């Protein structure tokens, strides 16, 4: 990621600098406050770090089934104080927000799929939210802009800050469902009361400028905003089909185009040509458009090799072209019907295309070829949850847990099914198992969700105090030290 150029401020009177530093530092140490936009007095009373949000009555009465995060706005010249923010930087924040939102109990549309669908639409149609919602099969959209992104350095004090102003709207009519704005920041440095203090302050201020600190601030921003979005329903979750990238990194332009590269291979022997194509693909030398040409060339060189079509299928999945990926996967399986991973990939694409019956059959094929893969069993449970076959889903999750007793995904979704079957005690036991598993695997966001679910289940006759305290204690221990970032 290319961060915004460092701003070096002009000299500031020492008294002013110390006052500003102390105010910012103390506010950061206290952590952010959460203020409802509707409470105007509370918003005005807190000039420092705060998360301002509002959840509409429309959301509370009928939470959305699906949420898609659209590209955030990149302000144009003169549009805002953040006019020098780049597209790459807005994408970094967008992906971080999506990564925090995805574990919630709502169906989400993965970012590559959103971008693929938008790319197929005209410029005018991309402003039609109802049409976007229809094409994505999603009833809510997140829009907004990044309001701040970068670092400031004042010798003994540095500040890294990233801010966003976001809204969730109903795709059908544009009605506001949720809104949130926040500036997350990290402040470095010390009040220079002595030569040693000055040296330590300079060092701390410099360390605060590390790129790693910028990523932590972005994560804080996304996590805090998502925290204000209610997750008030238990729903089956699915792990991402495409990878959630930390950032859309700008790559230098290659010395030659993909077309020129292919032209240079025309007289190369087929074996060497295939190796050259695979090498260029794996090195991602020519970006997405160039890579598509290389994949087609690879298929032309090796039309009878399943691997060529398999590579192309995975490429198309990562770009959100599910229909194209399905065709390539099916061709790969015609050439090699013993590829369990390709059957599973095909199944996951079919789930995205809402062909659940065919997805079930494809996962069964994958399991028949390799029954030791826990993710195949998880997938079988998931697709049958979507089909409404709870017993078949439970059987799949039990097999998955037999192979991996720390499988948080299977535990959690078992809890969902049991809850829907009115087995509250069984659901609570499964959720607690999920919470312990998520803590073990480091998935703390999901562990927090489990705590919320257990609190929702707790009622007279069902004492879950011990389970909730155990999970909360572990989460609190892990959260210690977060207060440094504002």
Protein backbone atom coordinates (compact mmCIF):
# COMPACT_ATOMS: atom_id res chain seq x y z
CA UNK A 1 0.00 0.00 0.00
CA UNK A 2 1.27 3.48 -0.83
CA UNK A 3 0.59 5.70 2.15
CA UNK A 4 -0.09 9.38 1.75
CA UNK A 5 3.01 11.55 1.75
CA UNK A 6 4.18 12.55 5.21
CA UNK A 7 3.16 16.06 6.21
CA UNK A 8 5.78 18.00 8.17
CA UNK A 9 4.11 20.86 10.02
CA UNK A 10 5.63 24.35 10.37
CA UNK A 11 7.13 25.34 13.75
CA UNK A 12 4.57 25.54 16.55
CA UNK A 13 5.04 27.43 19.84
CA UNK A 14 6.10 24.99 22.59
CA UNK A 15 3.19 25.85 24.91
CA UNK A 16 0.66 25.24 22.17
CA UNK A 17 2.37 21.99 21.17
CA UNK A 18 2.42 20.70 24.74
CA UNK A 19 -1.23 21.58 25.32
CA UNK A 20 -2.31 19.91 22.08
CA UNK A 21 -0.18 16.88 22.79
CA UNK A 22 -1.52 16.41 26.31
CA UNK A 23 -5.14 16.79 25.20
CA UNK A 24 -4.75 14.33 22.33
CA UNK A 25 -2.73 11.87 24.37
CA UNK A 26 -5.15 11.79 27.30
CA UNK A 27 -8.12 11.43 24.95
CA UNK A 28 -6.42 8.56 23.13
CA UNK A 29 -5.58 6.72 26.34
CA UNK A 30 -9.22 6.88 27.41
CA UNK A 31 -10.34 5.13 24.25
CA UNK A 32 -13.28 6.22 22.09
CA UNK A 33 -16.78 6.91 23.37
CA UNK A 34 -19.86 5.72 21.47
CA UNK A 35 -22.48 8.41 20.91
CA UNK A 36 -25.83 8.11 19.17
CA UNK A 37 -26.22 10.73 16.42
CA UNK A 38 -29.73 11.43 17.74
CA UNK A 39 -28.27 12.68 21.04
CA UNK A 40 -27.02 16.07 19.81
CA UNK A 41 -25.94 17.25 23.25
CA UNK A 42 -23.75 14.17 23.78
CA UNK A 43 -22.20 14.59 20.32
CA UNK A 44 -21.33 18.23 21.02
CA UNK A 45 -20.11 17.57 24.56
CA UNK A 46 -17.28 15.26 23.50
CA UNK A 47 -14.78 17.02 21.19
CA UNK A 48 -12.27 14.17 21.30
CA UNK A 49 -12.26 10.57 20.13
CA UNK A 50 -15.77 9.29 19.59
CA UNK A 51 -17.74 6.97 17.37
CA UNK A 52 -20.91 8.72 16.26
CA UNK A 53 -23.61 6.38 14.96
CA UNK A 54 -27.33 5.87 14.60
CA UNK A 55 -29.44 2.78 13.97
CA UNK A 56 -32.78 3.58 12.38
CA UNK A 57 -36.14 2.16 13.42
CA UNK A 58 -36.34 0.52 9.98
CA UNK A 59 -33.23 -1.52 10.77
CA UNK A 60 -34.49 -2.46 14.23
CA UNK A 61 -37.88 -3.61 12.96
CA UNK A 62 -36.54 -5.57 10.00
CA UNK A 63 -32.75 -6.12 9.92
CA UNK A 64 -31.35 -6.69 6.43
CA UNK A 65 -30.79 -10.24 5.24
CA UNK A 66 -27.74 -9.28 3.18
CA UNK A 67 -25.23 -6.42 3.15
CA UNK A 68 -22.92 -5.47 0.28
CA UNK A 69 -20.10 -2.95 0.77
CA UNK A 70 -19.85 -0.75 -2.32
CA UNK A 71 -16.67 1.14 -3.26
CA UNK A 72 -16.19 4.15 -1.01
CA UNK A 73 -16.10 7.58 -2.51
CA UNK A 74 -12.72 9.12 -3.27
CA UNK A 75 -13.19 12.87 -2.77
CA UNK A 76 -12.39 15.06 -5.73
CA UNK A 77 -10.42 18.29 -5.61
CA UNK A 78 -12.07 20.74 -3.24
CA UNK A 79 -14.70 18.18 -2.19
CA UNK A 80 -13.42 17.77 1.34
CA UNK A 81 -10.43 18.25 3.60
CA UNK A 82 -9.34 14.77 2.58
CA UNK A 83 -9.07 15.53 -1.14
CA UNK A 84 -5.61 13.95 -1.48
CA UNK A 85 -6.78 10.49 -0.42
CA UNK A 86 -6.17 7.92 -3.15
CA UNK A 87 -8.40 5.17 -4.48
CA UNK A 88 -5.94 2.61 -3.12
CA UNK A 89 -6.36 4.03 0.37
CA UNK A 90 -10.16 4.06 0.23
CA UNK A 91 -10.04 0.43 -0.88
CA UNK A 92 -7.85 -0.45 2.08
CA UNK A 93 -10.46 0.94 4.47
CA UNK A 94 -13.31 -0.67 2.53
CA UNK A 95 -11.70 -4.11 2.73
CA UNK A 96 -11.00 -3.70 6.45
CA UNK A 97 -14.64 -2.72 7.06
CA UNK A 98 -15.86 -5.70 5.04
CA UNK A 99 -13.56 -8.06 6.96
CA UNK A 100 -15.05 -6.86 10.26
CA UNK A 101 -18.64 -6.99 8.98
CA UNK A 102 -18.45 -10.40 7.31
CA UNK A 103 -18.61 -12.48 10.54
CA UNK A 104 -21.97 -10.94 11.46
CA UNK A 105 -25.07 -13.06 11.07
CA UNK A 106 -25.99 -11.63 7.70
CA UNK A 107 -25.26 -12.86 4.23
CA UNK A 108 -22.61 -10.70 2.61
CA UNK A 109 -21.48 -10.25 -0.97
CA UNK A 110 -17.73 -10.60 -1.31
CA UNK A 111 -15.88 -7.57 -2.63
CA UNK A 112 -14.60 -9.20 -5.86
CA UNK A 113 -18.21 -10.14 -6.73
CA UNK A 114 -19.44 -6.60 -6.01
CA UNK A 115 -16.73 -5.10 -8.20
CA UNK A 116 -17.31 -7.61 -11.00
CA UNK A 117 -21.04 -6.87 -11.12
CA UNK A 118 -20.51 -3.10 -10.98
CA UNK A 119 -17.98 -3.32 -13.81
CA UNK A 120 -20.63 -4.91 -16.04
CA UNK A 121 -23.02 -2.00 -15.43
CA UNK A 122 -23.10 1.37 -17.17
CA UNK A 123 -21.96 4.49 -15.33
CA UNK A 124 -25.57 5.63 -14.98
CA UNK A 125 -26.75 2.24 -13.70
CA UNK A 126 -24.04 2.24 -11.03
CA UNK A 127 -25.96 5.11 -9.39
CA UNK A 128 -29.17 3.07 -9.32
CA UNK A 129 -29.06 1.38 -5.92
CA UNK A 130 -32.24 -0.60 -6.51
CA UNK A 131 -30.73 -2.12 -9.66
CA UNK A 132 -27.43 -2.83 -7.89
CA UNK A 133 -29.29 -4.56 -5.08
CA UNK A 134 -31.21 -6.66 -7.57
CA UNK A 135 -28.10 -7.73 -9.47
CA UNK A 136 -26.27 -8.57 -6.23
CA UNK A 137 -29.37 -10.23 -4.75
CA UNK A 138 -28.81 -8.10 -1.64
CA UNK A 139 -31.21 -5.85 0.25
CA UNK A 140 -28.78 -3.44 1.93
CA UNK A 141 -25.75 -1.49 0.69
CA UNK A 142 -22.95 0.30 2.55
CA UNK A 143 -21.79 3.56 0.97
CA UNK A 144 -19.66 6.47 2.14
CA UNK A 145 -16.23 7.99 2.04
CA UNK A 146 -12.88 7.98 3.80
CA UNK A 147 -12.53 11.37 5.48
CA UNK A 148 -8.96 11.16 6.73
CA UNK A 149 -5.95 8.99 5.99
CA UNK A 150 -2.35 9.70 6.84
CA UNK A 151 0.31 10.74 9.30
CA UNK A 152 1.49 14.00 10.86
CA UNK A 153 4.88 14.47 12.49
CA UNK A 154 5.72 17.30 14.92
CA UNK A 155 9.22 16.26 16.08
CA UNK A 156 8.32 15.07 19.60
CA UNK A 157 4.76 14.14 18.67
CA UNK A 158 3.25 12.14 15.82
CA UNK A 159 -0.30 11.28 14.88
CA UNK A 160 -1.57 8.51 12.61
CA UNK A 161 -5.26 8.88 11.80
CA UNK A 162 -7.83 7.25 9.53
CA UNK A 163 -11.48 8.32 9.43
CA UNK A 164 -14.64 7.37 7.58
CA UNK A 165 -18.25 8.50 7.28
CA UNK A 166 -20.41 5.56 6.22
CA UNK A 167 -24.09 4.73 5.72
CA UNK A 168 -26.06 1.53 5.26
CA UNK A 169 -29.10 2.02 3.09
CA UNK A 170 -31.97 -0.09 1.83
CA UNK A 171 -31.22 -1.01 -1.78
CA UNK A 172 -34.92 -0.93 -2.66
CA UNK A 173 -35.68 2.68 -1.70
CA UNK A 174 -32.48 4.23 -0.35
CA UNK A 175 -33.87 4.50 3.18
CA UNK A 176 -31.20 5.00 5.85
CA UNK A 177 -30.69 1.90 8.01
CA UNK A 178 -27.48 2.80 9.85
CA UNK A 179 -24.83 5.48 9.78
CA UNK A 180 -21.51 5.83 11.53
CA UNK A 181 -18.50 8.11 11.49
CA UNK A 182 -15.24 7.97 13.38
CA UNK A 183 -11.59 8.96 13.21
CA UNK A 184 -9.30 6.34 14.74
CA UNK A 185 -5.85 7.55 15.65
CA UNK A 186 -2.60 6.63 17.30
CA UNK A 187 -0.53 9.27 19.02
CA UNK A 188 3.18 8.87 19.70
CA UNK A 189 5.67 10.91 21.69
CA UNK A 190 6.24 12.19 25.20
CA UNK A 191 6.20 15.55 26.93
CA UNK A 192 9.91 16.61 26.80
CA UNK A 193 10.58 17.53 30.42
CA UNK A 194 14.29 16.61 30.22
CA UNK A 195 16.94 15.82 27.60
CA UNK A 196 16.30 12.11 28.18
CA UNK A 197 12.55 12.68 27.91
CA UNK A 198 13.12 14.55 24.66
CA UNK A 199 15.14 11.68 23.20
CA UNK A 200 12.55 9.10 24.27
CA UNK A 201 9.76 11.29 22.91
CA UNK A 202 11.48 11.54 19.53
CA UNK A 203 11.90 7.76 19.42
CA UNK A 204 8.29 7.06 20.41
CA UNK A 205 6.99 9.58 17.88
CA UNK A 206 9.09 7.97 15.13
CA UNK A 207 7.95 4.44 16.00
CA UNK A 208 4.35 5.58 15.79
CA UNK A 209 4.91 6.31 12.09
CA UNK A 210 5.51 2.64 11.17
CA UNK A 211 3.23 1.23 8.46
CA UNK A 212 2.21 -1.53 10.86
CA UNK A 213 0.73 1.11 13.15
CA UNK A 214 -1.28 2.51 10.25
CA UNK A 215 -2.82 -0.92 9.64
CA UNK A 216 -3.70 -1.19 13.34
CA UNK A 217 -5.46 2.17 13.17
CA UNK A 218 -7.41 1.08 10.08
CA UNK A 219 -8.47 -2.08 11.89
CA UNK A 220 -9.55 -0.03 14.93
CA UNK A 221 -11.65 2.22 12.70
CA UNK A 222 -13.40 -0.66 10.96
CA UNK A 223 -13.96 -2.69 14.14
CA UNK A 224 -15.43 0.24 16.07
CA UNK A 225 -17.81 1.23 13.30
CA UNK A 226 -19.02 -2.34 12.83
CA UNK A 227 -19.49 -2.66 16.59
CA UNK A 228 -22.36 -0.17 16.33
CA UNK A 229 -24.20 -2.26 13.71
CA UNK A 230 -26.60 -4.60 15.52
CA UNK A 231 -26.06 -8.29 15.01
CA UNK A 232 -29.34 -9.22 16.62
CA UNK A 233 -30.08 -12.46 14.86
CA UNK A 234 -28.47 -15.86 14.81
CA UNK A 235 -27.65 -16.94 11.30
CA UNK A 236 -25.50 -19.48 9.54
CA UNK A 237 -22.14 -18.11 8.49
CA UNK A 238 -19.98 -18.94 5.53
CA UNK A 239 -16.25 -18.56 5.24
CA UNK A 240 -15.12 -16.31 2.34
CA UNK A 241 -14.96 -17.84 -1.11
CA UNK A 242 -12.49 -15.22 -2.31
CA UNK A 243 -9.58 -14.03 -0.15
CA UNK A 244 -10.14 -10.84 1.85
CA UNK A 245 -7.14 -8.77 0.80
CA UNK A 246 -5.71 -6.24 3.22
CA UNK A 247 -5.28 -3.65 0.49
CA UNK A 248 -5.51 -3.08 -3.22
CA UNK A 249 -1.88 -2.44 -3.87
CA UNK A 250 -0.85 -0.38 -6.85
CA UNK A 251 1.68 -2.22 -8.99
CA UNK A 252 4.25 -0.63 -11.26
CA UNK A 253 3.46 -0.89 -14.94
CA UNK A 254 5.26 -3.83 -16.58
CA UNK A 255 7.97 -3.21 -19.13
CA UNK A 256 5.84 -4.98 -21.76
CA UNK A 257 2.18 -5.75 -22.23
CA UNK A 258 0.64 -9.21 -21.99
CA UNK A 259 0.12 -9.12 -25.75
CA UNK A 260 3.79 -8.40 -26.36
CA UNK A 261 4.76 -11.17 -23.96
CA UNK A 262 2.53 -13.65 -25.81
CA UNK A 263 3.89 -12.54 -29.17
CA UNK A 264 7.39 -13.29 -27.95
CA UNK A 265 6.34 -16.88 -27.15
CA UNK A 266 4.94 -17.72 -30.58
CA UNK A 267 7.94 -19.78 -31.69
CA UNK A 268 8.66 -21.27 -28.27
CA UNK A 269 8.20 -25.08 -27.92
CA UNK A 270 4.90 -25.98 -26.25
CA UNK A 271 6.48 -27.36 -23.07
CA UNK A 272 8.58 -24.24 -22.55
CA UNK A 273 5.68 -22.00 -23.53
CA UNK A 274 3.46 -23.60 -20.90
CA UNK A 275 6.12 -23.12 -18.21
CA UNK A 276 6.60 -19.47 -19.23
CA UNK A 277 2.87 -18.81 -19.08
CA UNK A 278 2.50 -20.40 -15.65
CA UNK A 279 5.50 -18.43 -14.39
CA UNK A 280 4.05 -15.14 -15.63
CA UNK A 281 0.64 -15.97 -14.15
CA UNK A 282 2.06 -16.85 -10.74
CA UNK A 283 4.19 -13.70 -10.73
CA UNK A 284 1.10 -11.64 -11.67
CA UNK A 285 3.20 -9.70 -14.15
CA UNK A 286 0.38 -8.08 -16.12
CA UNK A 287 -2.50 -7.45 -13.72
CA UNK A 288 -6.00 -8.89 -14.01
CA UNK A 289 -6.66 -8.03 -17.66
CA UNK A 290 -3.29 -9.33 -18.77
CA UNK A 291 -3.67 -12.43 -16.63
CA UNK A 292 -6.96 -13.28 -18.34
CA UNK A 293 -5.14 -13.33 -21.68
CA UNK A 294 -2.42 -15.55 -20.23
CA UNK A 295 -4.95 -18.03 -18.86
CA UNK A 296 -6.67 -18.29 -22.24
CA UNK A 297 -3.29 -18.82 -23.87
CA UNK A 298 -2.47 -21.54 -21.33
CA UNK A 299 -5.72 -23.34 -22.12
CA UNK A 300 -4.91 -23.13 -25.84
CA UNK A 301 -1.48 -24.65 -25.17
CA UNK A 302 -2.81 -27.40 -22.89
CA UNK A 303 -6.50 -27.90 -23.82
CA UNK A 304 -6.56 -31.47 -22.54
CA UNK A 305 -5.10 -30.72 -19.10
CA UNK A 306 -7.51 -30.26 -16.21
CA UNK A 307 -4.97 -28.13 -14.38
CA UNK A 308 -5.23 -25.34 -16.97
CA UNK A 309 -8.99 -25.05 -16.56
CA UNK A 310 -8.68 -25.39 -12.79
CA UNK A 311 -6.26 -22.48 -12.61
CA UNK A 312 -8.59 -20.38 -14.74
CA UNK A 313 -11.61 -21.29 -12.57
CA UNK A 314 -9.84 -20.10 -9.40
CA UNK A 315 -8.77 -16.90 -11.15
CA UNK A 316 -12.35 -16.14 -12.18
CA UNK A 317 -13.67 -16.89 -8.69
CA UNK A 318 -11.25 -14.36 -7.20
CA UNK A 319 -12.50 -11.78 -9.71
CA UNK A 320 -16.17 -12.43 -8.91
CA UNK A 321 -17.05 -14.01 -12.28
CA UNK A 322 -18.99 -16.95 -10.88
CA UNK A 323 -20.65 -18.02 -14.13
CA UNK A 324 -17.31 -18.13 -15.95
CA UNK A 325 -15.67 -19.92 -13.01
CA UNK A 326 -18.38 -22.58 -13.03
CA UNK A 327 -17.81 -23.34 -16.73
CA UNK A 328 -14.05 -23.63 -16.23
CA UNK A 329 -14.48 -25.86 -13.15
CA UNK A 330 -16.86 -28.17 -15.00
CA UNK A 331 -14.44 -28.49 -17.91
CA UNK A 332 -11.63 -29.29 -15.47
CA UNK A 333 -13.74 -32.06 -13.89
CA UNK A 334 -14.55 -33.55 -17.30
CA UNK A 335 -10.80 -33.96 -17.80
CA UNK A 336 -10.12 -35.12 -14.22
CA UNK A 337 -13.08 -36.46 -12.29
CA UNK A 338 -10.98 -37.30 -9.21
CA UNK A 339 -10.14 -33.75 -8.18
CA UNK A 340 -11.93 -33.32 -4.83
CA UNK A 341 -10.81 -29.71 -4.44
CA UNK A 342 -12.36 -28.79 -7.79
CA UNK A 343 -15.65 -30.43 -6.83
CA UNK A 344 -15.64 -28.37 -3.65
CA UNK A 345 -14.82 -25.16 -5.52
CA UNK A 346 -17.66 -25.91 -7.94
CA UNK A 347 -20.00 -26.43 -4.99
CA UNK A 348 -19.09 -23.11 -3.42
CA UNK A 349 -19.69 -21.29 -6.70
CA UNK A 350 -23.07 -23.04 -7.02
CA UNK A 351 -23.97 -21.83 -3.52
CA UNK A 352 -23.22 -18.28 -4.60
CA UNK A 353 -25.43 -18.81 -7.64
CA UNK A 354 -28.17 -20.21 -5.35
CA UNK A 355 -28.21 -23.67 -6.96
CA UNK A 356 -28.20 -25.48 -3.62
CA UNK A 357 -29.25 -28.91 -4.85
CA UNK A 358 -26.37 -29.09 -7.32
CA UNK A 359 -24.01 -27.67 -4.69
CA UNK A 360 -24.95 -30.48 -2.30
CA UNK A 361 -24.27 -33.12 -4.96
CA UNK A 362 -20.88 -31.57 -5.77
CA UNK A 363 -19.79 -31.48 -2.11
CA UNK A 364 -20.85 -35.12 -1.69
CA UNK A 365 -18.56 -35.96 -4.64
CA UNK A 366 -15.70 -34.10 -2.94
CA UNK A 367 -16.25 -35.99 0.33
CA UNK A 368 -16.45 -39.32 -1.51
CA UNK A 369 -13.02 -38.61 -2.97
CA UNK A 370 -11.48 -37.24 0.24
CA UNK A 371 -13.51 -37.70 3.41
CA UNK A 372 -10.81 -36.36 5.72
CA UNK A 373 -11.19 -32.72 4.70
CA UNK A 374 -13.01 -30.91 7.51
CA UNK A 375 -13.89 -27.94 5.30
CA UNK A 376 -15.79 -30.27 2.94
CA UNK A 377 -17.92 -31.47 5.86
CA UNK A 378 -18.41 -27.87 6.99
CA UNK A 379 -19.57 -27.04 3.49
CA UNK A 380 -22.02 -29.93 3.45
CA UNK A 381 -23.48 -28.73 6.73
CA UNK A 382 -23.71 -25.16 5.49
CA UNK A 383 -25.47 -25.91 2.21
CA UNK A 384 -28.01 -28.12 3.97
CA UNK A 385 -28.68 -25.37 6.50
CA UNK A 386 -29.52 -23.14 3.55
CA UNK A 387 -31.76 -25.87 2.12
CA UNK A 388 -33.61 -26.17 5.43
CA UNK A 389 -32.48 -29.74 6.09
CA UNK A 390 -31.36 -29.30 9.68
CA UNK A 391 -30.82 -32.97 10.45
CA UNK A 392 -28.56 -33.52 7.44
CA UNK A 393 -26.65 -30.36 8.35
CA UNK A 394 -26.23 -31.49 11.97
CA UNK A 395 -24.92 -34.86 10.83
CA UNK A 396 -22.31 -33.14 8.66
CA UNK A 397 -21.20 -30.82 11.47
CA UNK A 398 -20.93 -33.73 13.92
CA UNK A 399 -18.65 -35.54 11.48
CA UNK A 400 -16.60 -32.36 11.12
CA UNK A 401 -16.28 -32.01 14.91
CA UNK A 402 -15.26 -35.65 15.23
CA UNK A 403 -12.30 -34.88 12.96
CA UNK A 404 -11.56 -31.46 14.47
CA UNK A 405 -12.90 -30.91 18.01
CA UNK A 406 -11.81 -27.24 17.87
CA UNK A 407 -13.91 -26.46 14.79
CA UNK A 408 -15.59 -23.17 15.74
CA UNK A 409 -17.50 -22.97 12.46
CA UNK A 410 -19.17 -26.36 13.01
CA UNK A 411 -19.87 -25.64 16.69
CA UNK A 412 -21.44 -22.28 15.94
CA UNK A 413 -23.67 -23.47 13.14
CA UNK A 414 -24.69 -26.49 15.20
CA UNK A 415 -25.86 -23.98 17.81
CA UNK A 416 -27.83 -22.06 15.20
CA UNK A 417 -29.67 -25.19 14.05
CA UNK A 418 -30.42 -26.37 17.58
CA UNK A 419 -31.70 -22.91 18.49
CA UNK A 420 -34.02 -22.96 15.49
CA UNK A 421 -35.22 -26.38 16.65
CA UNK A 422 -36.03 -24.89 20.10
CA UNK A 423 -33.24 -26.87 21.81
CA UNK A 424 -31.97 -23.87 23.76
CA UNK A 425 -29.75 -25.85 26.13
CA UNK A 426 -28.13 -27.71 23.27
CA UNK A 427 -27.64 -24.43 21.40
CA UNK A 428 -25.99 -22.82 24.44
CA UNK A 429 -23.59 -25.74 24.81
CA UNK A 430 -22.66 -25.55 21.13
CA UNK A 431 -22.18 -21.77 21.25
CA UNK A 432 -19.91 -22.08 24.27
CA UNK A 433 -17.86 -24.69 22.42
CA UNK A 434 -17.67 -22.29 19.48
CA UNK A 435 -16.48 -19.48 21.74
CA UNK A 436 -13.66 -21.58 23.19
CA UNK A 437 -12.67 -22.71 19.70
CA UNK A 438 -12.64 -19.17 18.32
CA UNK A 439 -10.46 -18.01 21.21
CA UNK A 440 -8.05 -20.84 20.53
CA UNK A 441 -7.85 -19.98 16.82
CA UNK A 442 -7.53 -16.23 17.46
CA UNK A 443 -10.90 -15.33 15.89
CA UNK A 444 -11.81 -12.85 18.61
CA UNK A 445 -14.55 -11.09 16.64
CA UNK A 446 -16.47 -14.35 16.41
CA UNK A 447 -15.83 -15.04 20.09
CA UNK A 448 -17.43 -11.67 20.91
CA UNK A 449 -20.43 -12.64 18.79
CA UNK A 450 -20.76 -15.88 20.75
CA UNK A 451 -20.82 -13.92 24.02
CA UNK A 452 -23.64 -11.76 22.66
CA UNK A 453 -25.56 -14.88 21.59
CA UNK A 454 -25.12 -16.53 24.99
CA UNK A 455 -26.38 -13.38 26.71
CA UNK A 456 -29.40 -13.49 24.45
CA UNK A 457 -30.06 -17.10 25.43
CA UNK A 458 -29.57 -16.57 29.16
CA UNK A 459 -32.92 -16.65 30.91
CA UNK A 460 -34.51 -17.96 34.11
CA UNK A 461 -33.83 -21.67 34.22
CA UNK A 462 -30.82 -21.41 31.93
CA UNK A 463 -27.84 -20.12 33.89
CA UNK A 464 -25.01 -19.25 31.52
CA UNK A 465 -23.17 -16.88 33.86
CA UNK A 466 -20.09 -19.07 34.21
CA UNK A 467 -19.74 -19.62 30.44
CA UNK A 468 -20.19 -15.93 29.67
CA UNK A 469 -17.72 -14.85 32.36
CA UNK A 470 -15.12 -17.33 31.11
CA UNK A 471 -15.29 -16.00 27.56
CA UNK A 472 -15.47 -12.34 28.59
CA UNK A 473 -12.48 -12.71 30.92
CA UNK A 474 -10.41 -14.18 28.09
CA UNK A 475 -11.50 -11.43 25.69
CA UNK A 476 -10.78 -8.69 28.24
CA UNK A 477 -7.28 -10.05 28.77
CA UNK A 478 -6.68 -9.99 25.04
CA UNK A 479 -8.07 -6.47 24.72
CA UNK A 480 -5.70 -4.97 27.30
CA UNK A 481 -3.47 -2.33 25.78
CA UNK A 482 -5.93 -1.29 23.09
CA UNK A 483 -6.37 2.05 24.83
CA UNK A 484 -3.19 3.42 23.27
CA UNK A 485 -5.02 4.02 20.00
CA UNK A 486 -7.81 6.55 20.00
